[in-house]
Protein backbone atom coordinates (compact mmCIF):
# COMPACT_ATOMS: atom_id res chain seq x y z
CA MET A 1 0.00 0.00 0.00
CA HIS A 2 1.01 3.63 -0.39
CA GLY A 3 1.67 6.52 1.99
CA LEU A 4 -0.60 9.39 2.90
CA LEU A 5 0.74 11.52 0.03
CA PRO A 6 0.84 10.55 -3.67
CA GLU A 7 4.09 9.03 -4.88
CA ASP A 8 4.70 12.12 -7.04
CA ALA A 9 3.64 14.58 -4.33
CA ALA A 10 6.55 16.89 -5.14
CA ARG A 11 4.89 17.62 -8.52
CA ALA A 12 1.26 17.54 -7.33
CA ARG A 13 -0.93 20.50 -6.37
CA LEU A 14 -2.59 19.22 -3.20
CA VAL A 15 -5.22 21.04 -1.14
CA GLY A 16 -6.92 19.92 2.06
CA ARG A 17 -8.54 21.05 5.29
CA VAL A 18 -7.41 20.89 8.88
CA TRP A 19 -8.88 21.54 12.27
CA ARG A 20 -6.68 24.09 13.97
CA ALA A 21 -7.09 23.41 17.67
CA ASP A 22 -4.73 26.27 18.46
CA LEU A 23 -7.20 28.72 16.89
CA GLY A 24 -10.41 26.74 17.35
CA CYS A 25 -11.36 26.75 13.67
CA VAL A 26 -11.12 24.97 10.32
CA ALA A 27 -8.52 26.07 7.75
CA VAL A 28 -7.74 25.27 4.11
CA ILE A 29 -4.18 24.08 3.53
CA ALA A 30 -1.86 23.52 0.59
CA VAL A 31 0.73 20.73 0.78
CA ARG A 32 4.22 21.96 -0.06
CA ASP A 33 7.29 19.77 0.32
CA GLY A 34 5.31 17.43 2.53
CA ARG A 35 4.24 20.23 4.88
CA ALA A 36 0.84 21.73 5.54
CA VAL A 37 0.58 25.46 4.83
CA ASP A 38 -2.52 27.33 6.03
CA ILE A 39 -3.64 29.34 2.97
CA GLY A 40 -6.97 30.35 4.50
CA ALA A 41 -6.29 34.08 4.16
CA THR A 42 -6.39 33.61 0.38
CA VAL A 43 -8.66 30.54 0.15
CA PRO A 44 -11.11 30.67 3.08
CA THR A 45 -13.11 27.64 1.89
CA ILE A 46 -12.96 24.93 -0.74
CA ALA A 47 -16.02 26.62 -2.22
CA ASP A 48 -13.87 29.71 -2.87
CA LEU A 49 -11.31 27.51 -4.60
CA LEU A 50 -13.89 25.86 -6.85
CA ARG A 51 -15.54 29.19 -7.74
CA HIS A 52 -12.24 30.78 -8.79
CA PRO A 53 -11.60 31.01 -12.57
CA ASP A 54 -7.99 29.79 -12.12
CA PRO A 55 -7.70 27.50 -9.07
CA LEU A 56 -4.08 26.59 -9.90
CA ALA A 57 -2.94 30.21 -9.90
CA LEU A 58 -4.92 30.90 -6.73
CA VAL A 59 -3.22 28.08 -4.81
CA ASP A 60 0.24 28.67 -6.27
CA GLY A 61 0.13 32.35 -5.31
CA ALA A 62 -1.21 31.86 -1.80
CA GLY A 63 1.16 32.40 1.10
CA GLY A 64 0.45 31.16 4.58
CA GLU A 65 1.51 29.71 7.89
CA ASP A 66 3.54 26.50 8.02
CA LEU A 67 1.73 23.99 10.27
CA GLY A 68 4.39 21.28 10.03
CA PRO A 69 4.55 17.87 8.30
CA VAL A 70 1.19 16.66 7.03
CA GLU A 71 1.83 13.18 8.42
CA ALA A 72 1.83 14.71 11.92
CA LEU A 73 -1.75 15.90 11.35
CA LEU A 74 -3.16 12.38 11.18
CA ALA A 75 -5.15 11.82 14.34
CA PRO A 76 -6.75 8.75 15.98
CA PRO A 77 -10.41 8.26 15.03
CA ASP A 78 -11.76 9.85 18.20
CA LEU A 79 -9.83 13.06 17.45
CA ALA A 80 -10.05 13.27 13.65
CA ARG A 81 -12.93 15.74 13.55
CA PRO A 82 -13.66 19.42 14.19
CA ARG A 83 -13.20 20.58 17.80
CA SER A 84 -10.45 18.02 18.36
CA PRO A 85 -7.98 18.97 21.12
CA ARG A 86 -5.17 18.79 18.56
CA ASN A 87 -4.60 19.85 14.97
CA CYS A 88 -5.82 17.17 12.55
CA LEU A 89 -6.70 16.54 8.92
CA LEU A 90 -10.35 16.73 7.86
CA ALA A 91 -12.16 15.81 4.65
CA PRO A 92 -10.84 18.13 1.90
CA VAL A 93 -14.34 19.37 0.99
CA ASP A 94 -16.75 21.67 2.77
CA LEU A 95 -19.86 23.42 1.40
CA GLN A 96 -20.29 21.09 -1.56
CA PRO A 97 -23.18 18.62 -1.66
CA VAL A 98 -21.77 15.11 -1.97
CA ARG A 99 -23.35 13.10 -4.75
CA ALA A 100 -22.49 9.65 -6.04
CA CYS A 101 -22.87 7.58 -9.17
CA GLY A 102 -23.96 3.96 -8.95
CA VAL A 103 -23.35 0.82 -11.01
CA THR A 104 -20.75 2.38 -13.28
CA PHE A 105 -18.50 -0.72 -13.27
CA THR A 106 -19.50 -4.21 -14.41
CA ARG A 107 -18.35 -5.79 -11.15
CA SER A 108 -20.41 -3.44 -9.01
CA LEU A 109 -23.39 -3.74 -11.36
CA LEU A 110 -23.46 -7.51 -10.92
CA GLU A 111 -23.27 -7.10 -7.15
CA ARG A 112 -26.21 -4.69 -7.12
CA VAL A 113 -28.28 -7.22 -9.06
CA VAL A 114 -27.20 -9.83 -6.50
CA ASP A 115 -28.41 -7.49 -3.74
CA GLU A 116 -31.76 -7.07 -5.46
CA ARG A 117 -32.40 -10.72 -6.25
CA SER A 118 -31.23 -11.94 -2.84
CA ARG A 119 -33.52 -9.41 -1.11
CA GLY A 120 -30.60 -8.47 1.11
CA ASP A 121 -29.91 -12.07 2.26
CA PRO A 122 -26.15 -12.78 2.11
CA ALA A 123 -26.77 -16.55 2.30
CA ARG A 124 -28.23 -16.47 -1.23
CA ALA A 125 -25.53 -14.27 -2.73
CA ALA A 126 -22.93 -16.82 -3.82
CA ALA A 127 -25.30 -18.92 -5.93
CA LEU A 128 -26.92 -15.85 -7.49
CA ARG A 129 -23.51 -14.33 -8.25
CA ALA A 130 -22.36 -17.45 -10.11
CA GLU A 131 -25.61 -17.57 -12.09
CA LEU A 132 -25.50 -13.91 -13.07
CA GLU A 133 -21.82 -13.99 -14.03
CA THR A 134 -22.59 -16.88 -16.38
CA LEU A 135 -25.59 -15.11 -17.89
CA LEU A 136 -24.43 -11.50 -17.96
CA GLY A 137 -20.75 -11.02 -17.15
CA GLY A 138 -19.29 -11.02 -20.66
CA THR A 139 -22.30 -9.28 -22.17
CA LEU A 140 -22.19 -6.30 -19.82
CA ALA A 141 -18.44 -5.79 -20.17
CA GLU A 142 -18.67 -5.51 -23.94
CA VAL A 143 -21.18 -2.68 -24.36
CA ARG A 144 -21.15 1.00 -23.50
CA PRO A 145 -24.15 2.22 -21.49
CA GLY A 146 -26.64 4.17 -23.55
CA SER A 147 -25.32 2.87 -26.87
CA PRO A 148 -27.62 1.17 -29.39
CA GLU A 149 -25.90 -2.12 -28.56
CA ALA A 150 -26.55 -1.64 -24.83
CA LEU A 151 -30.19 -0.78 -25.42
CA ALA A 152 -30.56 -3.92 -27.53
CA VAL A 153 -29.08 -6.01 -24.71
CA ARG A 154 -31.44 -4.33 -22.27
CA GLU A 155 -34.46 -5.24 -24.39
CA ARG A 156 -33.27 -8.85 -24.75
CA LEU A 157 -32.84 -9.17 -20.99
CA ARG A 158 -36.32 -7.76 -20.47
CA ARG A 159 -37.80 -10.38 -22.81
CA GLU A 160 -35.92 -13.12 -20.96
CA GLY A 161 -37.24 -11.96 -17.59
CA LEU A 162 -33.86 -10.65 -16.40
CA TRP A 163 -34.75 -6.96 -16.23
CA SER A 164 -33.52 -5.12 -13.15
CA GLN A 165 -33.59 -1.51 -12.01
CA TYR A 166 -29.79 -1.79 -11.76
CA LEU A 167 -29.49 -3.08 -15.31
CA GLU A 168 -31.62 -0.12 -16.37
CA VAL A 169 -29.08 2.41 -15.09
CA GLY A 170 -26.15 0.16 -15.96
CA LEU A 171 -27.15 -0.17 -19.62
CA GLY A 172 -29.63 2.64 -20.31
CA PRO A 173 -28.97 6.28 -21.20
CA ASP A 174 -29.47 7.66 -17.67
CA ALA A 175 -26.78 7.11 -15.04
CA GLU A 176 -27.68 6.65 -11.39
CA VAL A 177 -26.74 9.83 -9.51
CA PHE A 178 -27.87 10.08 -5.90
CA THR A 179 -27.15 12.28 -2.90
CA LYS A 180 -24.60 10.65 -0.62
CA ALA A 181 -24.11 13.23 2.13
CA PRO A 182 -24.94 16.85 2.99
CA PRO A 183 -22.26 19.56 2.97
CA LEU A 184 -19.72 19.20 5.82
CA ALA A 185 -20.89 15.67 6.73
CA ALA A 186 -18.01 13.77 5.10
CA VAL A 187 -15.22 12.49 7.34
CA GLY A 188 -11.55 12.59 6.44
CA PRO A 189 -8.44 10.44 6.87
CA GLY A 190 -8.07 8.77 10.23
CA ALA A 191 -11.71 9.22 11.24
CA TRP A 192 -14.32 6.59 12.06
CA VAL A 193 -16.58 5.42 9.26
CA GLY A 194 -19.93 4.11 10.39
CA VAL A 195 -22.30 1.24 9.71
CA ARG A 196 -25.67 0.90 11.37
CA PRO A 197 -25.87 -1.67 14.19
CA ASP A 198 -29.01 -3.15 12.60
CA SER A 199 -27.13 -4.00 9.37
CA ALA A 200 -25.77 -7.53 9.00
CA TRP A 201 -24.39 -7.18 5.45
CA ASN A 202 -22.34 -4.11 4.55
CA ASN A 203 -19.09 -3.15 2.88
CA PRO A 204 -16.68 -0.38 1.89
CA GLU A 205 -16.94 1.03 -1.62
CA PRO A 206 -13.61 2.48 -2.80
CA GLU A 207 -14.07 5.20 -5.40
CA VAL A 208 -12.40 8.03 -7.25
CA VAL A 209 -14.07 11.32 -6.33
CA LEU A 210 -14.18 14.59 -8.28
CA ALA A 211 -14.46 18.16 -7.02
CA ILE A 212 -16.43 20.14 -9.60
CA ALA A 213 -16.73 23.91 -10.08
CA PRO A 214 -20.14 25.65 -10.18
CA ASP A 215 -19.86 25.88 -13.97
CA GLY A 216 -19.35 22.11 -14.28
CA ARG A 217 -15.54 22.07 -14.68
CA PRO A 218 -13.78 19.16 -12.94
CA VAL A 219 -11.14 20.89 -10.79
CA ALA A 220 -9.60 18.10 -8.72
CA ALA A 221 -9.73 14.42 -7.77
CA THR A 222 -9.41 12.49 -4.53
CA LEU A 223 -10.42 9.15 -3.01
CA GLY A 224 -13.61 8.18 -1.24
CA ASN A 225 -15.34 5.41 0.66
CA ASP A 226 -19.05 5.20 -0.16
CA VAL A 227 -19.88 2.92 2.78
CA ASN A 228 -22.92 0.82 1.87
CA LEU A 229 -25.44 -1.36 3.71
CA ARG A 230 -26.12 -4.16 1.22
CA ASP A 231 -28.95 -5.71 3.22
CA PHE A 232 -30.87 -2.41 3.37
CA GLU A 233 -30.49 -1.61 -0.33
CA GLY A 234 -31.18 -5.22 -1.28
CA ARG A 235 -34.49 -5.25 0.56
CA SER A 236 -35.71 -2.23 -1.40
CA ALA A 237 -34.18 0.47 -3.58
CA LEU A 238 -36.39 2.90 -1.65
CA LEU A 239 -34.10 2.28 1.34
CA LEU A 240 -31.12 3.68 -0.54
CA GLY A 241 -31.03 6.78 1.68
CA LYS A 242 -30.79 4.62 4.82
CA ALA A 243 -28.20 2.40 3.18
CA LYS A 244 -26.00 5.31 2.11
CA ASP A 245 -26.39 8.36 4.34
CA ASN A 246 -25.50 7.73 7.98
CA ASP A 247 -22.98 9.17 10.42
CA GLY A 248 -19.52 8.42 9.07
CA ALA A 249 -20.79 6.66 5.96
CA CYS A 250 -18.98 9.07 3.62
CA ALA A 251 -15.18 9.35 3.81
CA VAL A 252 -13.23 11.60 1.45
CA GLY A 253 -9.51 12.34 1.21
CA PRO A 254 -6.77 12.65 1.98
CA PHE A 255 -6.34 15.71 -0.31
CA LEU A 256 -7.78 17.22 -3.46
CA ARG A 257 -5.29 16.83 -6.28
CA LEU A 258 -5.84 19.71 -8.69
CA PHE A 259 -5.83 18.91 -12.37
CA ASP A 260 -2.80 20.39 -14.12
CA ASP A 261 -0.44 19.53 -16.99
CA GLY A 262 0.98 16.60 -15.03
CA PHE A 263 -2.38 15.24 -13.89
CA ARG A 264 -5.04 15.83 -16.52
CA PHE A 265 -8.73 15.01 -16.22
CA ASP A 266 -8.89 13.39 -19.65
CA ALA A 267 -5.60 11.47 -19.46
CA GLU A 268 -3.76 10.71 -16.21
CA LEU A 269 -6.99 10.43 -14.23
CA MET A 270 -8.11 7.48 -16.37
CA ALA A 271 -4.85 5.67 -15.59
CA VAL A 272 -5.50 5.80 -11.84
CA GLU A 273 -5.54 2.47 -10.04
CA VAL A 274 -7.10 2.04 -6.61
CA GLU A 275 -6.25 -0.60 -4.04
CA LEU A 276 -8.42 -1.68 -1.12
CA LEU A 277 -7.12 -3.31 2.05
CA VAL A 278 -9.41 -4.35 4.92
CA GLU A 279 -7.82 -5.70 8.09
CA GLY A 280 -9.95 -6.90 10.97
CA GLU A 281 -9.18 -7.27 14.64
CA ASP A 282 -10.14 -10.95 14.14
CA GLY A 283 -7.18 -11.45 11.77
CA PHE A 284 -9.30 -11.22 8.63
CA ARG A 285 -7.53 -9.64 5.66
CA LEU A 286 -8.99 -8.67 2.28
CA ARG A 287 -7.08 -7.06 -0.55
CA ASP A 288 -8.22 -6.03 -4.04
CA ARG A 289 -7.18 -3.70 -6.81
CA HIS A 290 -8.95 -2.18 -9.79
CA ALA A 291 -8.44 0.48 -12.46
CA LEU A 292 -10.61 3.48 -13.26
CA ALA A 293 -10.14 2.66 -16.95
CA ALA A 294 -12.67 -0.17 -16.51
CA ILE A 295 -15.50 2.32 -15.85
CA GLY A 296 -18.51 1.88 -18.11
CA ARG A 297 -19.38 5.56 -18.53
CA PRO A 298 -16.64 8.17 -19.07
CA PRO A 299 -16.25 10.51 -16.07
CA ALA A 300 -17.05 13.49 -18.32
CA GLU A 301 -20.44 11.95 -19.07
CA LEU A 302 -21.15 11.36 -15.38
CA VAL A 303 -20.24 14.96 -14.58
CA ALA A 304 -22.47 16.23 -17.38
CA GLN A 305 -25.43 14.20 -16.14
CA ALA A 306 -24.86 15.33 -12.54
CA VAL A 307 -24.94 19.04 -13.36
CA ALA A 308 -27.37 19.06 -16.31
CA HIS A 309 -30.52 19.97 -14.37
CA HIS A 310 -29.24 21.33 -11.06
CA GLY A 311 -27.06 24.26 -10.11
CA TYR A 312 -24.31 24.04 -7.47
CA PRO A 313 -23.17 27.55 -6.48
CA ASP A 314 -20.54 26.20 -4.05
CA GLY A 315 -19.43 23.41 -6.37
CA LEU A 316 -20.12 19.71 -6.20
CA VAL A 317 -18.40 16.54 -5.00
CA LEU A 318 -19.08 13.51 -7.18
CA PHE A 319 -18.20 9.87 -6.43
CA LEU A 320 -17.66 8.07 -9.75
CA GLY A 321 -18.94 4.67 -8.62
CA THR A 322 -17.39 1.80 -6.75
CA MET A 323 -14.82 -0.24 -8.63
CA PHE A 324 -15.64 -3.41 -6.67
CA ALA A 325 -17.72 -4.74 -3.80
CA PRO A 326 -15.85 -7.22 -1.56
CA VAL A 327 -17.25 -10.77 -1.80
CA GLN A 328 -14.56 -12.78 0.05
CA ASP A 329 -16.14 -15.05 2.67
CA ARG A 330 -15.47 -13.91 6.22
CA ASP A 331 -17.65 -15.69 8.76
CA ALA A 332 -18.88 -18.79 6.91
CA PRO A 333 -18.65 -20.30 3.40
CA GLY A 334 -21.06 -18.62 1.02
CA MET A 335 -21.84 -15.74 3.38
CA GLY A 336 -19.50 -13.24 1.70
CA PHE A 337 -18.02 -10.17 3.35
CA THR A 338 -19.39 -7.83 5.97
CA HIS A 339 -17.70 -5.35 8.30
CA ARG A 340 -16.97 -5.85 11.96
CA PRO A 341 -16.33 -2.98 14.37
CA GLY A 342 -12.66 -2.17 14.51
CA ASP A 343 -11.94 -3.00 10.87
CA ARG A 344 -9.19 -0.88 9.36
CA VAL A 345 -9.98 0.20 5.77
CA ARG A 346 -7.24 1.58 3.52
CA ILE A 347 -8.06 2.94 0.05
CA ALA A 348 -4.92 3.93 -1.81
CA SER A 349 -3.66 5.10 -5.19
CA PRO A 350 -0.13 6.07 -6.30
CA ARG A 351 -1.48 9.34 -7.77
CA LEU A 352 -3.95 10.25 -5.00
CA GLY A 353 -2.42 9.00 -1.75
CA THR A 354 -4.12 6.97 0.98
CA LEU A 355 -7.46 7.31 2.76
CA GLU A 356 -7.51 5.17 5.90
CA ASN A 357 -10.37 4.86 8.35
CA ARG A 358 -11.60 2.63 11.18
CA VAL A 359 -15.07 1.08 11.19
CA GLY A 360 -17.48 1.64 14.07
CA LEU A 361 -21.21 1.49 14.72
CA THR A 362 -23.41 4.54 14.32
CA GLY A 363 -24.58 5.65 17.73
CA ARG A 364 -21.18 4.79 19.16
CA ILE A 365 -18.89 6.76 16.87
CA PRO A 366 -18.95 10.59 17.00
CA SER A 367 -22.09 11.97 15.37
CA TRP A 368 -21.92 14.75 12.78
CA SER A 369 -22.07 17.96 14.79
CA TYR A 370 -20.10 20.65 12.92
CA GLY A 371 -22.42 22.41 10.49
CA ILE A 372 -22.61 25.46 8.25
CA ARG A 373 -23.33 27.84 11.16
CA ASP A 374 -20.16 26.62 12.86
CA LEU A 375 -18.08 27.17 9.74
CA VAL A 376 -19.52 30.64 9.17
CA GLY A 377 -18.81 31.53 12.79
CA ASP A 378 -15.20 30.32 12.48
CA LEU A 379 -14.66 32.33 9.30
CA ALA A 380 -16.16 35.44 10.89
CA ARG A 381 -13.89 35.20 13.94
CA ARG A 382 -10.84 35.04 11.67
CA GLY A 383 -12.09 37.93 9.52
CA ARG A 384 -12.41 35.79 6.42
CA LEU A 385 -15.98 36.47 5.38
């Protein structure tokens, strides 16, 4: 696995957020030579960065206070949040709504159909997975969603009684784009991620995440964990909100990597590979790796669909879809994977760094408590409104 910073961090434009316990407020930072520099006097919020016509020039020209090595800002889960007694890294996004795309990879599409057909019962998943991979695996990988070929496959599957709401968004012209978390609700590196105590089948969803300007321009990329409750979503798609939006269920970080000549949205981004490592206190270990290049819909198309009918004056955060859903058996043969409290989840990429979190139960991990009023108050006290 990789370190907190990208392997080519010396050439990357990296922006993040920290809780400054010494001042009692949140600050935007730039990473320079492995050190965190508070650039909040120039860039008060990530929303200001995304609204600027030239984010690269804004960050490059911003001076600020050196806060020390970024690695020293990683805090234990109980401290990795606003109002911590020590300085610590936060999610590198603030006022942006967090939205997410679903079933954009063949592997995740098959797993969503498994969820649906199993009605959220993990005991039925293995047999259904094998059946669906035989029937659909090669077919789905060969067609581009929304294309005439994909629509023809969709119609054939309907005639054969294999239609699914997930196949509809996986093959049809309209991508699934849903709201993952409100502004300021995402947690950052080192923090707890949460699953509900009444969920018996859940998993991490490692994803590439975009930060998008109000005019629809992709400005930066980072990593995310779209924590999902498979049993809730499998019982009914109408439970998607409960499956997706809970305390700690959205992790983003460690930093926004701005697009520039060395990391372009239409080139280097598509070469990004993401690795997942889950280590449990019970000795369980799961490792997987996947490439963004396997995505079914180009990121530009997902961005266009996300912003086509809705304005985002403070910008937008967009998860591009999970590359894989873990299926390795953990507790018993055929039962697949589910989290246990204490799991350590590492999502890493050579170009984007490492997002690591611990898994806890909602109701026992810190609840979201730092909202827009708190941020506005902090900015006012520092004279940055």
